[in-house]
Amino acid sequence: MADTTLKARPASHAADDSGLTYHRALAFILAGLIFVLDQATKWVVTYPLQLQERGEIRLFKFFDLRWVENRGVSMGFLTADSELGRWLLVLLTAAISVGVVVWLWREKSRQDAIALGFVLGGALGNILDRIRFGYVVDFADLHFGEWRPFLIFNVGDAAITIGVLLLLFRALLTRDRKPKKEV
């Protein structure tokens, strides 16, 4: 007969599990909030502000709302000019999002989990646009005179960029120091 008794895990593992659960929950809540904010801002510019019909709304000398239907990914790469291309792009971005979820689930660092939450929330908002409309709604136009340091973007794009920059910063500048070997 097999032993069916539950074996107690060491206290250190229980503490690790609760920390991971907290990091995961925080990251998924953040992703959900970013997703909702992204979709809410797109709804506002699409319906109440009717930006699609108006084309542009000047807000400040350095910031306008400008309607752009982004049928590709960053900087015009992988533009989907057909229905097949659209759905292949949906599949590609969904697969990347699944990869982010797996990474987030395994991530032990709270900072990296938060960064992945930013990426996931932004990606899900853009994927939903592509499914619903066939393009991603971009509208934020930051500029200084004629110089535009960014392409026209949305909340989801900004969240993805912030998340990736946080991950790069941590990977390049805050590496864990290895303990010195005792002699």
N, C-alpha and C. Protein backbone atom coordinates (compact mmCIF):
# COMPACT_ATOMS: atom_id res chain seq x y z
N MET A 1 0.83 -1.17 0.00
CA MET A 1 0.00 0.00 0.00
C MET A 1 0.88 1.24 0.00
N ALA A 2 0.50 2.23 -0.76
CA ALA A 2 1.30 3.45 -0.88
C ALA A 2 1.11 4.34 0.34
N ASP A 3 2.16 5.06 0.71
CA ASP A 3 2.11 6.00 1.83
C ASP A 3 1.39 7.26 1.37
N THR A 4 0.25 7.55 1.96
CA THR A 4 -0.56 8.71 1.54
C THR A 4 -0.48 9.86 2.52
N THR A 5 0.41 9.78 3.49
CA THR A 5 0.53 10.88 4.45
C THR A 5 1.20 12.07 3.79
N LEU A 6 0.77 13.23 4.19
CA LEU A 6 1.37 14.45 3.68
C LEU A 6 2.63 14.74 4.47
N LYS A 7 3.67 15.06 3.76
CA LYS A 7 4.92 15.39 4.43
C LYS A 7 5.02 16.90 4.53
N ALA A 8 5.42 17.36 5.67
CA ALA A 8 5.56 18.81 5.90
C ALA A 8 6.76 19.32 5.12
N ARG A 9 6.57 20.47 4.53
CA ARG A 9 7.68 21.11 3.82
C ARG A 9 8.44 21.98 4.80
N PRO A 10 9.71 22.14 4.60
CA PRO A 10 10.48 23.01 5.48
C PRO A 10 9.89 24.43 5.45
N ALA A 11 10.02 25.14 6.55
CA ALA A 11 9.46 26.49 6.67
C ALA A 11 10.02 27.42 5.62
N SER A 12 11.28 27.24 5.21
CA SER A 12 11.87 28.13 4.20
C SER A 12 11.12 28.01 2.88
N HIS A 13 10.68 26.81 2.52
CA HIS A 13 9.92 26.63 1.28
C HIS A 13 8.55 27.29 1.38
N ALA A 14 7.92 27.19 2.52
CA ALA A 14 6.60 27.82 2.71
C ALA A 14 6.72 29.33 2.57
N ALA A 15 7.78 29.91 3.13
CA ALA A 15 7.99 31.36 3.01
C ALA A 15 8.24 31.73 1.56
N ASP A 16 9.05 30.92 0.85
CA ASP A 16 9.32 31.18 -0.56
C ASP A 16 8.03 31.14 -1.37
N ASP A 17 7.18 30.15 -1.11
CA ASP A 17 5.93 30.01 -1.85
C ASP A 17 5.01 31.20 -1.63
N SER A 18 4.91 31.68 -0.38
CA SER A 18 4.03 32.82 -0.13
C SER A 18 4.57 34.08 -0.78
N GLY A 19 5.89 34.23 -0.81
CA GLY A 19 6.49 35.38 -1.50
C GLY A 19 6.22 35.33 -2.99
N LEU A 20 6.38 34.15 -3.57
CA LEU A 20 6.11 33.99 -5.00
C LEU A 20 4.64 34.24 -5.31
N THR A 21 3.76 33.72 -4.45
CA THR A 21 2.33 33.93 -4.66
C THR A 21 2.00 35.41 -4.61
N TYR A 22 2.59 36.13 -3.67
CA TYR A 22 2.36 37.57 -3.56
C TYR A 22 2.87 38.29 -4.80
N HIS A 23 4.09 37.95 -5.27
CA HIS A 23 4.65 38.59 -6.46
C HIS A 23 3.78 38.33 -7.69
N ARG A 24 3.34 37.08 -7.82
CA ARG A 24 2.48 36.73 -8.96
C ARG A 24 1.18 37.51 -8.90
N ALA A 25 0.55 37.52 -7.73
CA ALA A 25 -0.74 38.22 -7.59
C ALA A 25 -0.56 39.71 -7.90
N LEU A 26 0.49 40.31 -7.38
CA LEU A 26 0.76 41.72 -7.63
C LEU A 26 0.95 41.97 -9.13
N ALA A 27 1.71 41.12 -9.78
CA ALA A 27 1.97 41.29 -11.22
C ALA A 27 0.70 41.10 -12.04
N PHE A 28 -0.12 40.11 -11.70
CA PHE A 28 -1.35 39.89 -12.46
C PHE A 28 -2.37 41.00 -12.21
N ILE A 29 -2.43 41.51 -10.99
CA ILE A 29 -3.32 42.66 -10.71
C ILE A 29 -2.85 43.88 -11.50
N LEU A 30 -1.54 44.13 -11.50
CA LEU A 30 -0.99 45.24 -12.27
C LEU A 30 -1.30 45.08 -13.75
N ALA A 31 -1.13 43.87 -14.28
CA ALA A 31 -1.44 43.61 -15.69
C ALA A 31 -2.91 43.90 -15.97
N GLY A 32 -3.79 43.48 -15.07
CA GLY A 32 -5.22 43.74 -15.24
C GLY A 32 -5.53 45.23 -15.22
N LEU A 33 -4.91 45.97 -14.31
CA LEU A 33 -5.14 47.42 -14.23
C LEU A 33 -4.65 48.12 -15.50
N ILE A 34 -3.49 47.72 -15.99
CA ILE A 34 -2.96 48.31 -17.22
C ILE A 34 -3.87 47.98 -18.39
N PHE A 35 -4.33 46.75 -18.47
CA PHE A 35 -5.25 46.35 -19.53
C PHE A 35 -6.51 47.22 -19.50
N VAL A 36 -7.10 47.40 -18.32
CA VAL A 36 -8.33 48.20 -18.20
C VAL A 36 -8.05 49.66 -18.56
N LEU A 37 -6.95 50.22 -18.07
CA LEU A 37 -6.60 51.61 -18.39
C LEU A 37 -6.37 51.79 -19.89
N ASP A 38 -5.67 50.83 -20.49
CA ASP A 38 -5.42 50.87 -21.94
C ASP A 38 -6.73 50.86 -22.71
N GLN A 39 -7.62 49.94 -22.39
CA GLN A 39 -8.88 49.84 -23.11
C GLN A 39 -9.78 51.05 -22.84
N ALA A 40 -9.75 51.58 -21.61
CA ALA A 40 -10.57 52.75 -21.28
C ALA A 40 -10.12 53.98 -22.06
N THR A 41 -8.79 54.19 -22.15
CA THR A 41 -8.31 55.35 -22.90
C THR A 41 -8.62 55.21 -24.39
N LYS A 42 -8.52 54.01 -24.91
CA LYS A 42 -8.85 53.79 -26.33
C LYS A 42 -10.34 54.01 -26.57
N TRP A 43 -11.17 53.62 -25.62
CA TRP A 43 -12.61 53.84 -25.74
C TRP A 43 -12.90 55.35 -25.76
N VAL A 44 -12.26 56.09 -24.86
CA VAL A 44 -12.49 57.54 -24.78
C VAL A 44 -12.10 58.23 -26.09
N VAL A 45 -10.92 57.91 -26.64
CA VAL A 45 -10.52 58.59 -27.88
C VAL A 45 -11.35 58.13 -29.07
N THR A 46 -11.85 56.90 -29.02
CA THR A 46 -12.63 56.37 -30.14
C THR A 46 -14.06 56.88 -30.14
N TYR A 47 -14.73 56.85 -29.00
CA TYR A 47 -16.16 57.17 -28.95
C TYR A 47 -16.45 58.60 -28.48
N PRO A 48 -16.26 58.94 -27.21
CA PRO A 48 -16.61 60.31 -26.82
C PRO A 48 -15.84 61.39 -27.59
N LEU A 49 -14.52 61.19 -27.79
CA LEU A 49 -13.74 62.22 -28.50
C LEU A 49 -13.80 62.08 -30.02
N GLN A 50 -14.27 60.95 -30.52
CA GLN A 50 -14.39 60.68 -31.95
C GLN A 50 -13.12 61.04 -32.71
N LEU A 51 -12.00 60.61 -32.18
CA LEU A 51 -10.70 60.93 -32.77
C LEU A 51 -10.54 60.34 -34.17
N GLN A 52 -11.15 59.22 -34.42
CA GLN A 52 -11.04 58.60 -35.75
C GLN A 52 -11.59 59.54 -36.82
N GLU A 53 -12.71 60.20 -36.55
CA GLU A 53 -13.31 61.13 -37.50
C GLU A 53 -12.56 62.46 -37.54
N ARG A 54 -12.08 62.89 -36.37
CA ARG A 54 -11.42 64.19 -36.27
C ARG A 54 -9.97 64.14 -36.73
N GLY A 55 -9.32 63.00 -36.56
CA GLY A 55 -7.93 62.84 -36.99
C GLY A 55 -6.92 63.31 -35.96
N GLU A 56 -7.13 64.51 -35.41
CA GLU A 56 -6.15 65.08 -34.48
C GLU A 56 -6.83 66.05 -33.52
N ILE A 57 -6.37 66.04 -32.28
CA ILE A 57 -6.81 67.03 -31.29
C ILE A 57 -5.54 67.57 -30.63
N ARG A 58 -5.32 68.86 -30.77
CA ARG A 58 -4.14 69.49 -30.16
C ARG A 58 -4.44 69.78 -28.70
N LEU A 59 -3.61 69.26 -27.81
CA LEU A 59 -3.79 69.48 -26.38
C LEU A 59 -2.76 70.46 -25.82
N PHE A 60 -1.51 70.23 -26.13
CA PHE A 60 -0.40 71.08 -25.66
C PHE A 60 0.55 71.29 -26.82
N LYS A 61 1.52 72.20 -26.64
CA LYS A 61 2.52 72.42 -27.69
C LYS A 61 3.33 71.15 -27.98
N PHE A 62 3.40 70.27 -26.99
CA PHE A 62 4.25 69.08 -27.11
C PHE A 62 3.47 67.76 -27.13
N PHE A 63 2.13 67.82 -27.06
CA PHE A 63 1.36 66.58 -26.98
C PHE A 63 0.01 66.74 -27.67
N ASP A 64 -0.24 65.85 -28.64
CA ASP A 64 -1.51 65.84 -29.36
C ASP A 64 -2.12 64.44 -29.27
N LEU A 65 -3.40 64.38 -29.54
CA LEU A 65 -4.06 63.11 -29.78
C LEU A 65 -4.19 62.98 -31.29
N ARG A 66 -3.69 61.89 -31.84
CA ARG A 66 -3.70 61.70 -33.29
C ARG A 66 -4.07 60.25 -33.57
N TRP A 67 -5.07 60.02 -34.41
CA TRP A 67 -5.56 58.68 -34.71
C TRP A 67 -4.60 57.94 -35.63
N VAL A 68 -4.17 56.76 -35.20
CA VAL A 68 -3.34 55.89 -36.04
C VAL A 68 -3.84 54.47 -35.87
N GLU A 69 -4.04 53.79 -36.98
CA GLU A 69 -4.42 52.37 -36.97
C GLU A 69 -3.16 51.57 -37.26
N ASN A 70 -2.57 51.03 -36.22
CA ASN A 70 -1.31 50.31 -36.32
C ASN A 70 -1.58 48.85 -36.68
N ARG A 71 -1.25 48.47 -37.89
CA ARG A 71 -1.49 47.11 -38.36
C ARG A 71 -0.26 46.23 -38.25
N GLY A 72 0.78 46.74 -37.63
CA GLY A 72 2.01 45.97 -37.45
C GLY A 72 2.41 45.96 -35.99
N VAL A 73 3.68 45.74 -35.77
CA VAL A 73 4.22 45.84 -34.42
C VAL A 73 5.14 47.05 -34.39
N SER A 74 5.96 47.17 -33.38
CA SER A 74 6.80 48.35 -33.20
C SER A 74 7.53 48.76 -34.48
N MET A 75 7.52 50.06 -34.72
CA MET A 75 8.23 50.70 -35.83
C MET A 75 7.83 50.13 -37.19
N GLY A 76 6.61 49.67 -37.31
CA GLY A 76 6.11 49.22 -38.59
C GLY A 76 6.56 47.83 -39.02
N PHE A 77 7.23 47.10 -38.15
CA PHE A 77 7.64 45.74 -38.50
C PHE A 77 6.44 44.81 -38.52
N LEU A 78 6.51 43.79 -39.32
CA LEU A 78 5.49 42.74 -39.41
C LEU A 78 4.09 43.31 -39.67
N THR A 79 3.98 44.21 -40.60
CA THR A 79 2.69 44.80 -40.94
C THR A 79 1.78 43.72 -41.52
N ALA A 80 0.57 43.64 -40.99
CA ALA A 80 -0.42 42.66 -41.45
C ALA A 80 -1.33 43.33 -42.46
N ASP A 81 -1.11 43.04 -43.74
CA ASP A 81 -1.90 43.65 -44.81
C ASP A 81 -3.08 42.81 -45.24
N SER A 82 -3.24 41.63 -44.66
CA SER A 82 -4.34 40.74 -45.04
C SER A 82 -4.95 40.15 -43.77
N GLU A 83 -6.10 39.49 -43.94
CA GLU A 83 -6.73 38.81 -42.80
C GLU A 83 -5.82 37.71 -42.25
N LEU A 84 -5.17 36.97 -43.14
CA LEU A 84 -4.24 35.93 -42.70
C LEU A 84 -3.12 36.55 -41.89
N GLY A 85 -2.55 37.63 -42.38
CA GLY A 85 -1.48 38.32 -41.66
C GLY A 85 -1.94 38.82 -40.31
N ARG A 86 -3.15 39.35 -40.27
CA ARG A 86 -3.71 39.82 -39.00
C ARG A 86 -3.77 38.71 -37.98
N TRP A 87 -4.32 37.55 -38.37
CA TRP A 87 -4.48 36.46 -37.41
C TRP A 87 -3.15 35.79 -37.08
N LEU A 88 -2.21 35.79 -38.01
CA LEU A 88 -0.87 35.29 -37.69
C LEU A 88 -0.20 36.20 -36.66
N LEU A 89 -0.41 37.51 -36.81
CA LEU A 89 0.13 38.46 -35.84
C LEU A 89 -0.54 38.30 -34.48
N VAL A 90 -1.84 38.04 -34.47
CA VAL A 90 -2.54 37.76 -33.20
C VAL A 90 -1.93 36.52 -32.55
N LEU A 91 -1.72 35.46 -33.33
CA LEU A 91 -1.14 34.23 -32.79
C LEU A 91 0.28 34.46 -32.27
N LEU A 92 1.09 35.20 -33.03
CA LEU A 92 2.46 35.47 -32.61
C LEU A 92 2.48 36.25 -31.30
N THR A 93 1.69 37.32 -31.22
CA THR A 93 1.69 38.14 -30.00
C THR A 93 1.05 37.38 -28.83
N ALA A 94 0.08 36.53 -29.10
CA ALA A 94 -0.51 35.71 -28.03
C ALA A 94 0.52 34.70 -27.52
N ALA A 95 1.30 34.11 -28.42
CA ALA A 95 2.34 33.16 -28.01
C ALA A 95 3.40 33.86 -27.16
N ILE A 96 3.76 35.06 -27.54
CA ILE A 96 4.72 35.83 -26.74
C ILE A 96 4.13 36.13 -25.36
N SER A 97 2.85 36.46 -25.33
CA SER A 97 2.18 36.74 -24.04
C SER A 97 2.15 35.50 -23.16
N VAL A 98 1.93 34.34 -23.75
CA VAL A 98 1.97 33.09 -22.99
C VAL A 98 3.38 32.89 -22.41
N GLY A 99 4.38 33.19 -23.21
CA GLY A 99 5.76 33.11 -22.72
C GLY A 99 6.00 34.05 -21.55
N VAL A 100 5.43 35.26 -21.62
CA VAL A 100 5.55 36.21 -20.52
C VAL A 100 4.87 35.67 -19.26
N VAL A 101 3.69 35.05 -19.43
CA VAL A 101 2.98 34.47 -18.28
C VAL A 101 3.81 33.35 -17.65
N VAL A 102 4.41 32.50 -18.46
CA VAL A 102 5.25 31.41 -17.92
C VAL A 102 6.44 32.00 -17.18
N TRP A 103 7.09 32.99 -17.77
CA TRP A 103 8.23 33.65 -17.13
C TRP A 103 7.78 34.28 -15.80
N LEU A 104 6.65 34.99 -15.85
CA LEU A 104 6.13 35.63 -14.64
C LEU A 104 5.85 34.58 -13.55
N TRP A 105 5.27 33.46 -13.94
CA TRP A 105 4.91 32.41 -12.97
C TRP A 105 6.16 31.86 -12.28
N ARG A 106 7.27 31.81 -13.00
CA ARG A 106 8.50 31.24 -12.44
C ARG A 106 9.39 32.29 -11.78
N GLU A 107 9.10 33.55 -12.01
CA GLU A 107 9.97 34.64 -11.55
C GLU A 107 9.97 34.75 -10.03
N LYS A 108 11.15 34.85 -9.46
CA LYS A 108 11.29 34.96 -8.01
C LYS A 108 11.48 36.41 -7.56
N SER A 109 11.92 37.26 -8.46
CA SER A 109 12.16 38.66 -8.13
C SER A 109 10.88 39.47 -8.23
N ARG A 110 10.56 40.19 -7.17
CA ARG A 110 9.35 41.02 -7.18
C ARG A 110 9.46 42.11 -8.26
N GLN A 111 10.64 42.73 -8.39
CA GLN A 111 10.81 43.79 -9.38
C GLN A 111 10.61 43.27 -10.80
N ASP A 112 11.16 42.11 -11.09
CA ASP A 112 10.99 41.54 -12.43
C ASP A 112 9.55 41.10 -12.66
N ALA A 113 8.89 40.59 -11.63
CA ALA A 113 7.47 40.22 -11.77
C ALA A 113 6.63 41.45 -12.08
N ILE A 114 6.93 42.57 -11.43
CA ILE A 114 6.20 43.81 -11.72
C ILE A 114 6.45 44.25 -13.15
N ALA A 115 7.69 44.19 -13.59
CA ALA A 115 8.02 44.57 -14.97
C ALA A 115 7.27 43.67 -15.96
N LEU A 116 7.21 42.38 -15.67
CA LEU A 116 6.49 41.45 -16.54
C LEU A 116 4.99 41.74 -16.52
N GLY A 117 4.46 42.20 -15.39
CA GLY A 117 3.06 42.61 -15.31
C GLY A 117 2.78 43.79 -16.24
N PHE A 118 3.70 44.75 -16.31
CA PHE A 118 3.57 45.86 -17.25
C PHE A 118 3.50 45.34 -18.68
N VAL A 119 4.44 44.46 -19.03
CA VAL A 119 4.50 43.92 -20.39
C VAL A 119 3.22 43.15 -20.72
N LEU A 120 2.79 42.31 -19.81
CA LEU A 120 1.60 41.48 -20.05
C LEU A 120 0.35 42.34 -20.22
N GLY A 121 0.13 43.29 -19.34
CA GLY A 121 -1.06 44.15 -19.43
C GLY A 121 -1.11 44.91 -20.75
N GLY A 122 0.03 45.48 -21.15
CA GLY A 122 0.07 46.21 -22.42
C GLY A 122 -0.15 45.30 -23.61
N ALA A 123 0.47 44.14 -23.58
CA ALA A 123 0.33 43.19 -24.69
C ALA A 123 -1.11 42.72 -24.85
N LEU A 124 -1.77 42.43 -23.73
CA LEU A 124 -3.15 41.95 -23.81
C LEU A 124 -4.08 43.03 -24.37
N GLY A 125 -3.86 44.28 -23.99
CA GLY A 125 -4.67 45.37 -24.54
C GLY A 125 -4.50 45.48 -26.05
N ASN A 126 -3.28 45.36 -26.53
CA ASN A 126 -3.04 45.46 -27.97
C ASN A 126 -3.56 44.24 -28.72
N ILE A 127 -3.45 43.07 -28.10
CA ILE A 127 -3.99 41.86 -28.74
C ILE A 127 -5.51 41.98 -28.90
N LEU A 128 -6.19 42.46 -27.86
CA LEU A 128 -7.65 42.62 -27.96
C LEU A 128 -8.02 43.58 -29.09
N ASP A 129 -7.29 44.68 -29.23
CA ASP A 129 -7.55 45.60 -30.35
C ASP A 129 -7.42 44.88 -31.69
N ARG A 130 -6.34 44.13 -31.82
CA ARG A 130 -6.09 43.45 -33.10
C ARG A 130 -7.19 42.43 -33.40
N ILE A 131 -7.69 41.77 -32.37
CA ILE A 131 -8.80 40.81 -32.57
C ILE A 131 -10.08 41.55 -32.95
N ARG A 132 -10.40 42.63 -32.21
CA ARG A 132 -11.65 43.35 -32.43
C ARG A 132 -11.67 44.17 -33.72
N PHE A 133 -10.57 44.88 -33.99
CA PHE A 133 -10.57 45.85 -35.09
C PHE A 133 -9.69 45.46 -36.27
N GLY A 134 -8.73 44.58 -36.05
CA GLY A 134 -7.78 44.26 -37.10
C GLY A 134 -6.55 45.16 -37.04
N TYR A 135 -6.51 46.08 -36.10
CA TYR A 135 -5.37 46.98 -35.90
C TYR A 135 -5.35 47.40 -34.43
N VAL A 136 -4.24 47.99 -34.02
CA VAL A 136 -4.11 48.52 -32.67
C VAL A 136 -4.37 50.01 -32.74
N VAL A 137 -5.19 50.52 -31.83
CA VAL A 137 -5.49 51.94 -31.76
C VAL A 137 -4.34 52.65 -31.07
N ASP A 138 -3.64 53.52 -31.81
CA ASP A 138 -2.60 54.37 -31.25
C ASP A 138 -3.08 55.81 -31.33
N PHE A 139 -2.72 56.63 -30.34
CA PHE A 139 -3.26 57.98 -30.32
C PHE A 139 -2.39 59.02 -29.64
N ALA A 140 -1.42 58.64 -28.83
CA ALA A 140 -0.62 59.59 -28.07
C ALA A 140 0.57 60.04 -28.90
N ASP A 141 0.64 61.34 -29.17
CA ASP A 141 1.68 61.91 -30.02
C ASP A 141 2.49 62.93 -29.23
N LEU A 142 3.61 62.47 -28.67
CA LEU A 142 4.51 63.34 -27.92
C LEU A 142 5.53 63.90 -28.90
N HIS A 143 5.67 65.22 -28.94
CA HIS A 143 6.60 65.83 -29.89
C HIS A 143 7.14 67.14 -29.33
N PHE A 144 8.28 67.54 -29.84
CA PHE A 144 8.90 68.80 -29.48
C PHE A 144 9.18 69.51 -30.80
N GLY A 145 8.26 70.40 -31.19
CA GLY A 145 8.31 70.98 -32.52
C GLY A 145 8.00 69.87 -33.51
N GLU A 146 8.87 69.70 -34.47
CA GLU A 146 8.70 68.63 -35.46
C GLU A 146 9.39 67.33 -35.04
N TRP A 147 10.17 67.38 -33.97
CA TRP A 147 10.91 66.20 -33.53
C TRP A 147 10.01 65.33 -32.67
N ARG A 148 9.88 64.08 -33.07
CA ARG A 148 9.07 63.10 -32.36
C ARG A 148 9.99 61.99 -31.86
N PRO A 149 10.28 61.99 -30.55
CA PRO A 149 11.18 60.97 -30.02
C PRO A 149 10.57 59.57 -30.01
N PHE A 150 9.24 59.49 -30.13
CA PHE A 150 8.54 58.20 -30.12
C PHE A 150 7.57 58.16 -31.29
N LEU A 151 7.23 56.97 -31.69
CA LEU A 151 6.11 56.82 -32.62
C LEU A 151 4.83 57.12 -31.85
N ILE A 152 3.75 57.32 -32.55
CA ILE A 152 2.47 57.53 -31.88
C ILE A 152 2.12 56.22 -31.18
N PHE A 153 1.70 56.32 -29.92
CA PHE A 153 1.57 55.14 -29.07
C PHE A 153 0.28 55.17 -28.27
N ASN A 154 0.10 54.16 -27.43
CA ASN A 154 -1.06 54.07 -26.53
C ASN A 154 -0.57 53.64 -25.15
N VAL A 155 -1.48 53.50 -24.20
CA VAL A 155 -1.11 53.12 -22.84
C VAL A 155 -0.44 51.74 -22.83
N GLY A 156 -0.96 50.80 -23.61
CA GLY A 156 -0.37 49.47 -23.67
C GLY A 156 1.07 49.51 -24.17
N ASP A 157 1.32 50.30 -25.22
CA ASP A 157 2.68 50.43 -25.74
C ASP A 157 3.61 51.01 -24.68
N ALA A 158 3.13 52.04 -23.98
CA ALA A 158 3.95 52.66 -22.93
C ALA A 158 4.26 51.65 -21.83
N ALA A 159 3.27 50.85 -21.43
CA ALA A 159 3.49 49.86 -20.38
C ALA A 159 4.49 48.79 -20.83
N ILE A 160 4.38 48.33 -22.07
CA ILE A 160 5.34 47.35 -22.59
C ILE A 160 6.75 47.93 -22.56
N THR A 161 6.89 49.16 -23.02
CA THR A 161 8.20 49.81 -23.04
C THR A 161 8.77 49.96 -21.64
N ILE A 162 7.96 50.41 -20.70
CA ILE A 162 8.41 50.56 -19.31
C ILE A 162 8.84 49.21 -18.75
N GLY A 163 8.03 48.18 -18.97
CA GLY A 163 8.36 46.85 -18.47
C GLY A 163 9.66 46.32 -19.04
N VAL A 164 9.85 46.47 -20.34
CA VAL A 164 11.08 45.98 -20.98
C VAL A 164 12.29 46.77 -20.47
N LEU A 165 12.15 48.09 -20.33
CA LEU A 165 13.26 48.89 -19.81
C LEU A 165 13.61 48.51 -18.37
N LEU A 166 12.60 48.23 -17.55
CA LEU A 166 12.86 47.78 -16.18
C LEU A 166 13.62 46.44 -16.18
N LEU A 167 13.20 45.52 -17.03
CA LEU A 167 13.88 44.23 -17.12
C LEU A 167 15.32 44.40 -17.59
N LEU A 168 15.54 45.24 -18.60
CA LEU A 168 16.90 45.49 -19.09
C LEU A 168 17.75 46.16 -18.03
N PHE A 169 17.19 47.15 -17.35
CA PHE A 169 17.92 47.83 -16.30
C PHE A 169 18.38 46.85 -15.23
N ARG A 170 17.46 46.01 -14.79
CA ARG A 170 17.80 45.03 -13.75
C ARG A 170 18.82 44.02 -14.26
N ALA A 171 18.68 43.59 -15.50
CA ALA A 171 19.59 42.58 -16.04
C ALA A 171 21.01 43.15 -16.24
N LEU A 172 21.09 44.40 -16.65
CA LEU A 172 22.39 44.97 -16.99
C LEU A 172 23.08 45.69 -15.83
N LEU A 173 22.30 46.28 -14.95
CA LEU A 173 22.90 47.15 -13.94
C LEU A 173 22.79 46.68 -12.50
N THR A 174 21.94 45.74 -12.24
CA THR A 174 21.76 45.33 -10.84
C THR A 174 21.93 43.82 -10.68
N ARG A 175 22.95 43.30 -11.30
CA ARG A 175 23.20 41.86 -11.18
C ARG A 175 23.50 41.50 -9.73
N ASP A 176 23.03 40.33 -9.34
CA ASP A 176 23.30 39.86 -7.99
C ASP A 176 24.78 39.57 -7.86
N ARG A 177 25.32 39.98 -6.76
CA ARG A 177 26.74 39.74 -6.50
C ARG A 177 26.89 38.32 -5.95
N LYS A 178 27.88 37.62 -6.48
CA LYS A 178 28.14 36.28 -5.97
C LYS A 178 28.92 36.41 -4.67
N PRO A 179 28.56 35.56 -3.69
CA PRO A 179 29.31 35.63 -2.43
C PRO A 179 30.77 35.22 -2.65
N LYS A 180 31.65 35.89 -1.91
CA LYS A 180 33.08 35.55 -2.01
C LYS A 180 33.32 34.19 -1.39
N LYS A 181 34.19 33.44 -2.02
CA LYS A 181 34.54 32.11 -1.49
C LYS A 181 35.47 32.29 -0.31
N GLU A 182 35.21 31.51 0.71
CA GLU A 182 36.08 31.56 1.87
C GLU A 182 37.33 30.74 1.59
N VAL A 183 38.46 31.24 2.07
CA VAL A 183 39.71 30.56 1.84
C VAL A 183 40.07 29.69 3.00
